[in-house]
Amino acid sequence: MGTGRKSYTLAEVSQHNHRHDCWIIIGGKVYDVTKFLEDHPGGDEVLLSATGKDATEDFEDVGHSTTAEAMLDEFYVGDIDSASIPAGFKYTPPKQPHYNQDKTAEFIIRMLQFLVPLMILGVAVGVRFYTPIQHNH
């Protein structure tokens, strides 16, 4: 190799598929996430079900934060030998609720677009009806 990076085949990575030894493949890189199983917000079953396959699409579909992406570096153990992944290899993820942070931000913006004008209208009506009218004689 000469690059100093360890390369693993899909068969090698697939052997690390249980609670005490869990490796996953994301973006052509291999990560040992065993120590993270208990702390994963989506639960350990999500990570365990992603073993033995390329979990890149699943990782991206969930909408992980940039913090989660940065955390991957500490679990990096090497690269996947892309020749060991069969062509057309497709993984169907388990059914689980998706939490998309982008959608949450979008929802908050829409709510503010609705509530702010209502608050302005409420303040205007309040000012109009609760301030004394001055008559000039």
N, C-alpha and C. Protein backbone atom coordinates (compact mmCIF):
# COMPACT_ATOMS: atom_id res chain seq x y z
N MET A 1 0.83 -1.19 0.00
CA MET A 1 0.00 0.00 0.00
C MET A 1 0.87 1.26 0.00
N GLY A 2 1.64 1.43 1.07
CA GLY A 2 2.53 2.58 1.12
C GLY A 2 1.85 3.84 1.65
N THR A 3 0.52 3.84 1.81
CA THR A 3 -0.19 5.03 2.25
C THR A 3 -0.28 5.08 3.77
N GLY A 4 0.01 3.97 4.45
CA GLY A 4 -0.09 3.95 5.90
C GLY A 4 -1.51 3.68 6.37
N ARG A 5 -2.46 3.63 5.46
CA ARG A 5 -3.85 3.36 5.82
C ARG A 5 -4.15 1.89 5.65
N LYS A 6 -4.89 1.34 6.56
CA LYS A 6 -5.29 -0.06 6.49
C LYS A 6 -6.50 -0.17 5.57
N SER A 7 -6.52 -1.20 4.74
CA SER A 7 -7.65 -1.43 3.85
C SER A 7 -8.30 -2.75 4.23
N TYR A 8 -9.63 -2.75 4.28
CA TYR A 8 -10.40 -3.93 4.67
C TYR A 8 -11.35 -4.34 3.55
N THR A 9 -11.60 -5.64 3.45
CA THR A 9 -12.60 -6.12 2.49
C THR A 9 -13.96 -6.09 3.18
N LEU A 10 -15.00 -6.17 2.38
CA LEU A 10 -16.36 -6.21 2.93
C LEU A 10 -16.51 -7.43 3.84
N ALA A 11 -15.92 -8.55 3.45
CA ALA A 11 -16.00 -9.78 4.26
C ALA A 11 -15.36 -9.57 5.63
N GLU A 12 -14.22 -8.87 5.66
CA GLU A 12 -13.55 -8.60 6.95
C GLU A 12 -14.41 -7.70 7.84
N VAL A 13 -14.93 -6.64 7.26
CA VAL A 13 -15.75 -5.70 8.02
C VAL A 13 -17.03 -6.39 8.51
N SER A 14 -17.59 -7.26 7.69
CA SER A 14 -18.84 -7.95 8.03
C SER A 14 -18.72 -8.83 9.26
N GLN A 15 -17.52 -9.26 9.59
CA GLN A 15 -17.32 -10.10 10.77
C GLN A 15 -17.49 -9.31 12.07
N HIS A 16 -17.39 -8.00 11.99
CA HIS A 16 -17.52 -7.13 13.17
C HIS A 16 -18.97 -6.64 13.25
N ASN A 17 -19.87 -7.56 13.63
CA ASN A 17 -21.30 -7.26 13.50
C ASN A 17 -22.10 -7.51 14.77
N HIS A 18 -21.46 -7.35 15.93
CA HIS A 18 -22.23 -7.56 17.16
C HIS A 18 -21.91 -6.47 18.18
N ARG A 19 -22.64 -6.50 19.26
CA ARG A 19 -22.61 -5.45 20.28
C ARG A 19 -21.21 -5.18 20.86
N HIS A 20 -20.37 -6.19 20.91
CA HIS A 20 -19.04 -6.01 21.50
C HIS A 20 -17.96 -5.76 20.44
N ASP A 21 -18.35 -5.70 19.19
CA ASP A 21 -17.40 -5.49 18.09
C ASP A 21 -18.20 -5.07 16.86
N CYS A 22 -18.42 -3.76 16.69
CA CYS A 22 -19.33 -3.26 15.65
C CYS A 22 -18.60 -2.28 14.72
N TRP A 23 -18.46 -2.67 13.45
CA TRP A 23 -17.83 -1.82 12.44
C TRP A 23 -18.85 -1.49 11.36
N ILE A 24 -18.80 -0.26 10.87
CA ILE A 24 -19.69 0.14 9.77
C ILE A 24 -18.87 0.85 8.68
N ILE A 25 -19.45 0.90 7.48
CA ILE A 25 -18.81 1.53 6.33
C ILE A 25 -19.63 2.77 5.94
N ILE A 26 -18.96 3.92 5.92
CA ILE A 26 -19.61 5.17 5.49
C ILE A 26 -18.62 5.92 4.60
N GLY A 27 -19.05 6.22 3.40
CA GLY A 27 -18.22 7.00 2.49
C GLY A 27 -16.88 6.35 2.15
N GLY A 28 -16.88 5.03 2.05
CA GLY A 28 -15.66 4.32 1.68
C GLY A 28 -14.67 4.15 2.83
N LYS A 29 -15.07 4.57 4.03
CA LYS A 29 -14.21 4.44 5.20
C LYS A 29 -14.84 3.48 6.19
N VAL A 30 -13.99 2.82 6.97
CA VAL A 30 -14.45 1.85 7.95
C VAL A 30 -14.32 2.47 9.34
N TYR A 31 -15.39 2.34 10.12
CA TYR A 31 -15.42 2.90 11.47
C TYR A 31 -15.77 1.82 12.49
N ASP A 32 -15.02 1.80 13.60
CA ASP A 32 -15.32 0.91 14.72
C ASP A 32 -16.15 1.73 15.71
N VAL A 33 -17.47 1.52 15.68
CA VAL A 33 -18.39 2.31 16.50
C VAL A 33 -18.82 1.56 17.77
N THR A 34 -18.08 0.54 18.14
CA THR A 34 -18.42 -0.27 19.31
C THR A 34 -18.61 0.60 20.55
N LYS A 35 -17.69 1.53 20.80
CA LYS A 35 -17.75 2.37 22.00
C LYS A 35 -18.89 3.38 21.94
N PHE A 36 -19.44 3.59 20.76
CA PHE A 36 -20.50 4.60 20.59
C PHE A 36 -21.91 4.00 20.62
N LEU A 37 -22.01 2.67 20.64
CA LEU A 37 -23.33 2.02 20.57
C LEU A 37 -24.29 2.54 21.63
N GLU A 38 -23.84 2.62 22.88
CA GLU A 38 -24.73 3.04 23.97
C GLU A 38 -25.11 4.52 23.87
N ASP A 39 -24.26 5.33 23.25
CA ASP A 39 -24.50 6.76 23.18
C ASP A 39 -25.22 7.21 21.92
N HIS A 40 -25.39 6.32 20.94
CA HIS A 40 -26.01 6.71 19.67
C HIS A 40 -27.46 7.13 19.90
N PRO A 41 -27.82 8.37 19.52
CA PRO A 41 -29.19 8.86 19.75
C PRO A 41 -30.28 8.00 19.10
N GLY A 42 -29.96 7.34 18.00
CA GLY A 42 -30.94 6.50 17.32
C GLY A 42 -31.02 5.09 17.89
N GLY A 43 -30.18 4.80 18.89
CA GLY A 43 -30.16 3.46 19.49
C GLY A 43 -29.12 2.57 18.86
N ASP A 44 -28.69 1.55 19.59
CA ASP A 44 -27.64 0.67 19.10
C ASP A 44 -28.10 -0.24 17.97
N GLU A 45 -29.40 -0.55 17.92
CA GLU A 45 -29.91 -1.44 16.88
C GLU A 45 -29.72 -0.85 15.49
N VAL A 46 -29.81 0.47 15.38
CA VAL A 46 -29.63 1.13 14.09
C VAL A 46 -28.21 0.88 13.58
N LEU A 47 -27.23 1.03 14.46
CA LEU A 47 -25.84 0.81 14.06
C LEU A 47 -25.58 -0.67 13.79
N LEU A 48 -26.11 -1.54 14.64
CA LEU A 48 -25.89 -2.98 14.44
C LEU A 48 -26.50 -3.46 13.13
N SER A 49 -27.62 -2.87 12.74
CA SER A 49 -28.26 -3.28 11.49
C SER A 49 -27.52 -2.74 10.26
N ALA A 50 -26.59 -1.82 10.48
CA ALA A 50 -25.83 -1.23 9.37
C ALA A 50 -24.50 -1.95 9.14
N THR A 51 -24.24 -3.01 9.89
CA THR A 51 -22.98 -3.74 9.71
C THR A 51 -23.04 -4.62 8.47
N GLY A 52 -21.87 -4.89 7.91
CA GLY A 52 -21.79 -5.81 6.78
C GLY A 52 -22.29 -5.25 5.46
N LYS A 53 -22.43 -3.95 5.39
CA LYS A 53 -22.94 -3.30 4.18
C LYS A 53 -22.44 -1.86 4.14
N ASP A 54 -22.61 -1.22 3.01
CA ASP A 54 -22.26 0.19 2.89
C ASP A 54 -23.41 1.01 3.45
N ALA A 55 -23.18 1.68 4.58
CA ALA A 55 -24.24 2.43 5.26
C ALA A 55 -24.22 3.92 4.93
N THR A 56 -23.51 4.30 3.88
CA THR A 56 -23.39 5.72 3.51
C THR A 56 -24.75 6.37 3.28
N GLU A 57 -25.57 5.74 2.45
CA GLU A 57 -26.87 6.31 2.12
C GLU A 57 -27.76 6.43 3.36
N ASP A 58 -27.72 5.42 4.21
CA ASP A 58 -28.51 5.46 5.45
C ASP A 58 -28.06 6.60 6.34
N PHE A 59 -26.75 6.78 6.45
CA PHE A 59 -26.19 7.85 7.28
C PHE A 59 -26.64 9.21 6.76
N GLU A 60 -26.60 9.39 5.44
CA GLU A 60 -26.97 10.67 4.84
C GLU A 60 -28.48 10.90 4.89
N ASP A 61 -29.27 9.84 4.71
CA ASP A 61 -30.73 9.98 4.70
C ASP A 61 -31.29 10.44 6.05
N VAL A 62 -30.64 10.05 7.12
CA VAL A 62 -31.13 10.42 8.45
C VAL A 62 -30.94 11.91 8.71
N GLY A 63 -29.99 12.53 8.03
CA GLY A 63 -29.77 13.97 8.22
C GLY A 63 -28.93 14.25 9.46
N HIS A 64 -27.81 13.58 9.59
CA HIS A 64 -26.93 13.79 10.73
C HIS A 64 -26.37 15.21 10.73
N SER A 65 -26.09 15.72 11.91
CA SER A 65 -25.52 17.06 12.05
C SER A 65 -24.05 17.05 11.66
N THR A 66 -23.48 18.23 11.49
CA THR A 66 -22.06 18.32 11.18
C THR A 66 -21.24 17.81 12.36
N THR A 67 -21.77 17.94 13.57
CA THR A 67 -21.10 17.41 14.76
C THR A 67 -20.98 15.89 14.67
N ALA A 68 -22.08 15.24 14.24
CA ALA A 68 -22.06 13.78 14.09
C ALA A 68 -21.05 13.37 13.03
N GLU A 69 -20.99 14.12 11.94
CA GLU A 69 -20.03 13.81 10.88
C GLU A 69 -18.60 13.97 11.38
N ALA A 70 -18.36 15.01 12.19
CA ALA A 70 -17.02 15.24 12.73
C ALA A 70 -16.63 14.14 13.72
N MET A 71 -17.60 13.59 14.43
CA MET A 71 -17.33 12.53 15.41
C MET A 71 -16.81 11.26 14.75
N LEU A 72 -17.13 11.05 13.47
CA LEU A 72 -16.69 9.85 12.78
C LEU A 72 -15.17 9.68 12.82
N ASP A 73 -14.44 10.80 12.79
CA ASP A 73 -12.98 10.73 12.75
C ASP A 73 -12.39 9.92 13.90
N GLU A 74 -12.99 10.04 15.09
CA GLU A 74 -12.42 9.33 16.24
C GLU A 74 -12.67 7.82 16.18
N PHE A 75 -13.57 7.37 15.29
CA PHE A 75 -13.87 5.94 15.18
C PHE A 75 -13.25 5.31 13.93
N TYR A 76 -12.54 6.10 13.14
CA TYR A 76 -11.96 5.65 11.87
C TYR A 76 -10.89 4.58 12.11
N VAL A 77 -10.99 3.44 11.38
CA VAL A 77 -9.98 2.39 11.49
C VAL A 77 -9.30 2.08 10.15
N GLY A 78 -9.88 2.51 9.04
CA GLY A 78 -9.27 2.25 7.74
C GLY A 78 -10.25 2.48 6.61
N ASP A 79 -9.85 2.06 5.43
CA ASP A 79 -10.68 2.24 4.24
C ASP A 79 -11.23 0.90 3.78
N ILE A 80 -12.35 0.95 3.05
CA ILE A 80 -12.92 -0.27 2.50
C ILE A 80 -12.29 -0.54 1.13
N ASP A 81 -12.01 -1.78 0.86
CA ASP A 81 -11.53 -2.18 -0.46
C ASP A 81 -12.76 -2.21 -1.36
N SER A 82 -12.93 -1.18 -2.19
CA SER A 82 -14.15 -1.05 -2.99
C SER A 82 -14.36 -2.22 -3.93
N ALA A 83 -13.29 -2.92 -4.30
CA ALA A 83 -13.43 -4.08 -5.19
C ALA A 83 -14.14 -5.24 -4.48
N SER A 84 -14.18 -5.20 -3.14
CA SER A 84 -14.81 -6.29 -2.39
C SER A 84 -16.32 -6.09 -2.23
N ILE A 85 -16.83 -4.94 -2.63
CA ILE A 85 -18.27 -4.68 -2.54
C ILE A 85 -18.91 -5.07 -3.87
N PRO A 86 -19.86 -6.00 -3.85
CA PRO A 86 -20.48 -6.44 -5.10
C PRO A 86 -21.19 -5.29 -5.82
N ALA A 87 -21.16 -5.32 -7.14
CA ALA A 87 -21.85 -4.29 -7.92
C ALA A 87 -23.35 -4.39 -7.67
N GLY A 88 -23.99 -3.26 -7.55
CA GLY A 88 -25.44 -3.24 -7.33
C GLY A 88 -25.83 -3.64 -5.93
N PHE A 89 -24.86 -3.67 -5.01
CA PHE A 89 -25.14 -4.04 -3.63
C PHE A 89 -26.05 -3.00 -3.01
N LYS A 90 -27.23 -3.41 -2.57
CA LYS A 90 -28.21 -2.48 -2.03
C LYS A 90 -28.69 -2.94 -0.67
N TYR A 91 -28.75 -2.02 0.24
CA TYR A 91 -29.17 -2.32 1.61
C TYR A 91 -30.50 -1.63 1.89
N THR A 92 -31.44 -2.36 2.44
CA THR A 92 -32.73 -1.77 2.83
C THR A 92 -32.70 -1.56 4.33
N PRO A 93 -32.75 -0.31 4.79
CA PRO A 93 -32.66 -0.04 6.23
C PRO A 93 -33.92 -0.49 6.97
N PRO A 94 -33.78 -0.73 8.27
CA PRO A 94 -34.96 -1.10 9.06
C PRO A 94 -35.92 0.08 9.15
N LYS A 95 -37.20 -0.21 9.35
CA LYS A 95 -38.18 0.86 9.48
C LYS A 95 -37.95 1.58 10.80
N GLN A 96 -37.76 2.88 10.71
CA GLN A 96 -37.55 3.67 11.91
C GLN A 96 -37.98 5.10 11.61
N PRO A 97 -38.39 5.83 12.65
CA PRO A 97 -38.78 7.22 12.41
C PRO A 97 -37.54 8.04 12.07
N HIS A 98 -37.67 8.87 11.06
CA HIS A 98 -36.55 9.70 10.66
C HIS A 98 -36.67 11.06 11.32
N TYR A 99 -35.57 11.51 11.90
CA TYR A 99 -35.51 12.84 12.49
C TYR A 99 -34.62 13.67 11.58
N ASN A 100 -35.22 14.62 10.91
CA ASN A 100 -34.45 15.44 9.99
C ASN A 100 -34.33 16.85 10.56
N GLN A 101 -33.13 17.22 10.94
CA GLN A 101 -32.92 18.53 11.57
C GLN A 101 -33.27 19.67 10.62
N ASP A 102 -33.06 19.47 9.33
CA ASP A 102 -33.39 20.51 8.36
C ASP A 102 -34.89 20.80 8.37
N LYS A 103 -35.71 19.75 8.48
CA LYS A 103 -37.16 19.93 8.50
C LYS A 103 -37.59 20.68 9.76
N THR A 104 -36.92 20.43 10.88
CA THR A 104 -37.26 21.11 12.13
C THR A 104 -37.02 22.60 11.98
N ALA A 105 -35.91 22.99 11.42
CA ALA A 105 -35.60 24.41 11.22
C ALA A 105 -36.62 25.03 10.27
N GLU A 106 -36.99 24.31 9.25
CA GLU A 106 -37.98 24.79 8.28
C GLU A 106 -39.32 25.02 8.97
N PHE A 107 -39.70 24.11 9.86
CA PHE A 107 -40.96 24.22 10.59
C PHE A 107 -40.95 25.48 11.47
N ILE A 108 -39.85 25.72 12.17
CA ILE A 108 -39.75 26.89 13.05
C ILE A 108 -39.88 28.18 12.23
N ILE A 109 -39.23 28.24 11.09
CA ILE A 109 -39.30 29.43 10.24
C ILE A 109 -40.74 29.66 9.78
N ARG A 110 -41.42 28.60 9.37
CA ARG A 110 -42.81 28.75 8.92
C ARG A 110 -43.71 29.23 10.06
N MET A 111 -43.49 28.70 11.25
CA MET A 111 -44.29 29.13 12.40
C MET A 111 -44.04 30.61 12.70
N LEU A 112 -42.78 31.04 12.63
CA LEU A 112 -42.47 32.44 12.89
C LEU A 112 -43.08 33.34 11.82
N GLN A 113 -43.09 32.88 10.57
CA GLN A 113 -43.69 33.67 9.50
C GLN A 113 -45.19 33.85 9.75
N PHE A 114 -45.80 32.93 10.43
CA PHE A 114 -47.22 33.01 10.74
C PHE A 114 -47.46 33.81 12.02
N LEU A 115 -46.67 33.57 13.06
CA LEU A 115 -46.91 34.17 14.36
C LEU A 115 -46.47 35.64 14.48
N VAL A 116 -45.37 36.01 13.86
CA VAL A 116 -44.88 37.39 13.99
C VAL A 116 -45.90 38.40 13.46
N PRO A 117 -46.47 38.22 12.27
CA PRO A 117 -47.48 39.18 11.82
C PRO A 117 -48.71 39.22 12.76
N LEU A 118 -49.09 38.07 13.29
CA LEU A 118 -50.21 38.05 14.23
C LEU A 118 -49.89 38.84 15.50
N MET A 119 -48.66 38.73 15.98
CA MET A 119 -48.26 39.48 17.17
C MET A 119 -48.27 40.98 16.87
N ILE A 120 -47.79 41.37 15.71
CA ILE A 120 -47.78 42.79 15.33
C ILE A 120 -49.21 43.32 15.26
N LEU A 121 -50.09 42.54 14.65
CA LEU A 121 -51.50 42.92 14.57
C LEU A 121 -52.11 43.05 15.96
N GLY A 122 -51.79 42.10 16.84
CA GLY A 122 -52.30 42.13 18.21
C GLY A 122 -51.84 43.37 18.96
N VAL A 123 -50.57 43.72 18.80
CA VAL A 123 -50.04 44.92 19.46
C VAL A 123 -50.72 46.17 18.90
N ALA A 124 -50.92 46.24 17.60
CA ALA A 124 -51.58 47.41 16.99
C ALA A 124 -53.00 47.56 17.50
N VAL A 125 -53.74 46.45 17.57
CA VAL A 125 -55.12 46.49 18.07
C VAL A 125 -55.12 46.91 19.54
N GLY A 126 -54.18 46.37 20.32
CA GLY A 126 -54.09 46.72 21.74
C GLY A 126 -53.80 48.20 21.94
N VAL A 127 -52.89 48.72 21.17
CA VAL A 127 -52.53 50.14 21.27
C VAL A 127 -53.74 51.00 20.89
N ARG A 128 -54.45 50.61 19.85
CA ARG A 128 -55.60 51.38 19.38
C ARG A 128 -56.72 51.42 20.40
N PHE A 129 -57.02 50.31 21.04
CA PHE A 129 -58.17 50.25 21.95
C PHE A 129 -57.84 50.59 23.40
N TYR A 130 -56.58 50.51 23.78
CA TYR A 130 -56.25 50.73 25.20
C TYR A 130 -55.47 52.00 25.46
N THR A 131 -55.31 52.84 24.50
CA THR A 131 -54.71 54.15 24.75
C THR A 131 -55.82 55.18 24.67
N PRO A 132 -55.76 56.12 25.57
CA PRO A 132 -56.83 57.15 25.57
C PRO A 132 -56.77 58.02 24.31
N ILE A 133 -57.93 58.37 23.83
CA ILE A 133 -58.02 59.24 22.65
C ILE A 133 -58.03 60.68 23.16
N GLN A 134 -57.15 61.50 22.63
CA GLN A 134 -57.08 62.89 23.05
C GLN A 134 -57.89 63.75 22.09
N HIS A 135 -58.78 64.55 22.70
CA HIS A 135 -59.60 65.47 21.88
C HIS A 135 -59.06 66.87 22.03
N ASN A 136 -58.90 67.54 20.96
CA ASN A 136 -58.45 68.94 21.01
C ASN A 136 -59.68 69.83 20.92
N HIS A 137 -59.86 70.68 21.97
CA HIS A 137 -61.02 71.58 21.96
C HIS A 137 -60.58 72.94 21.64
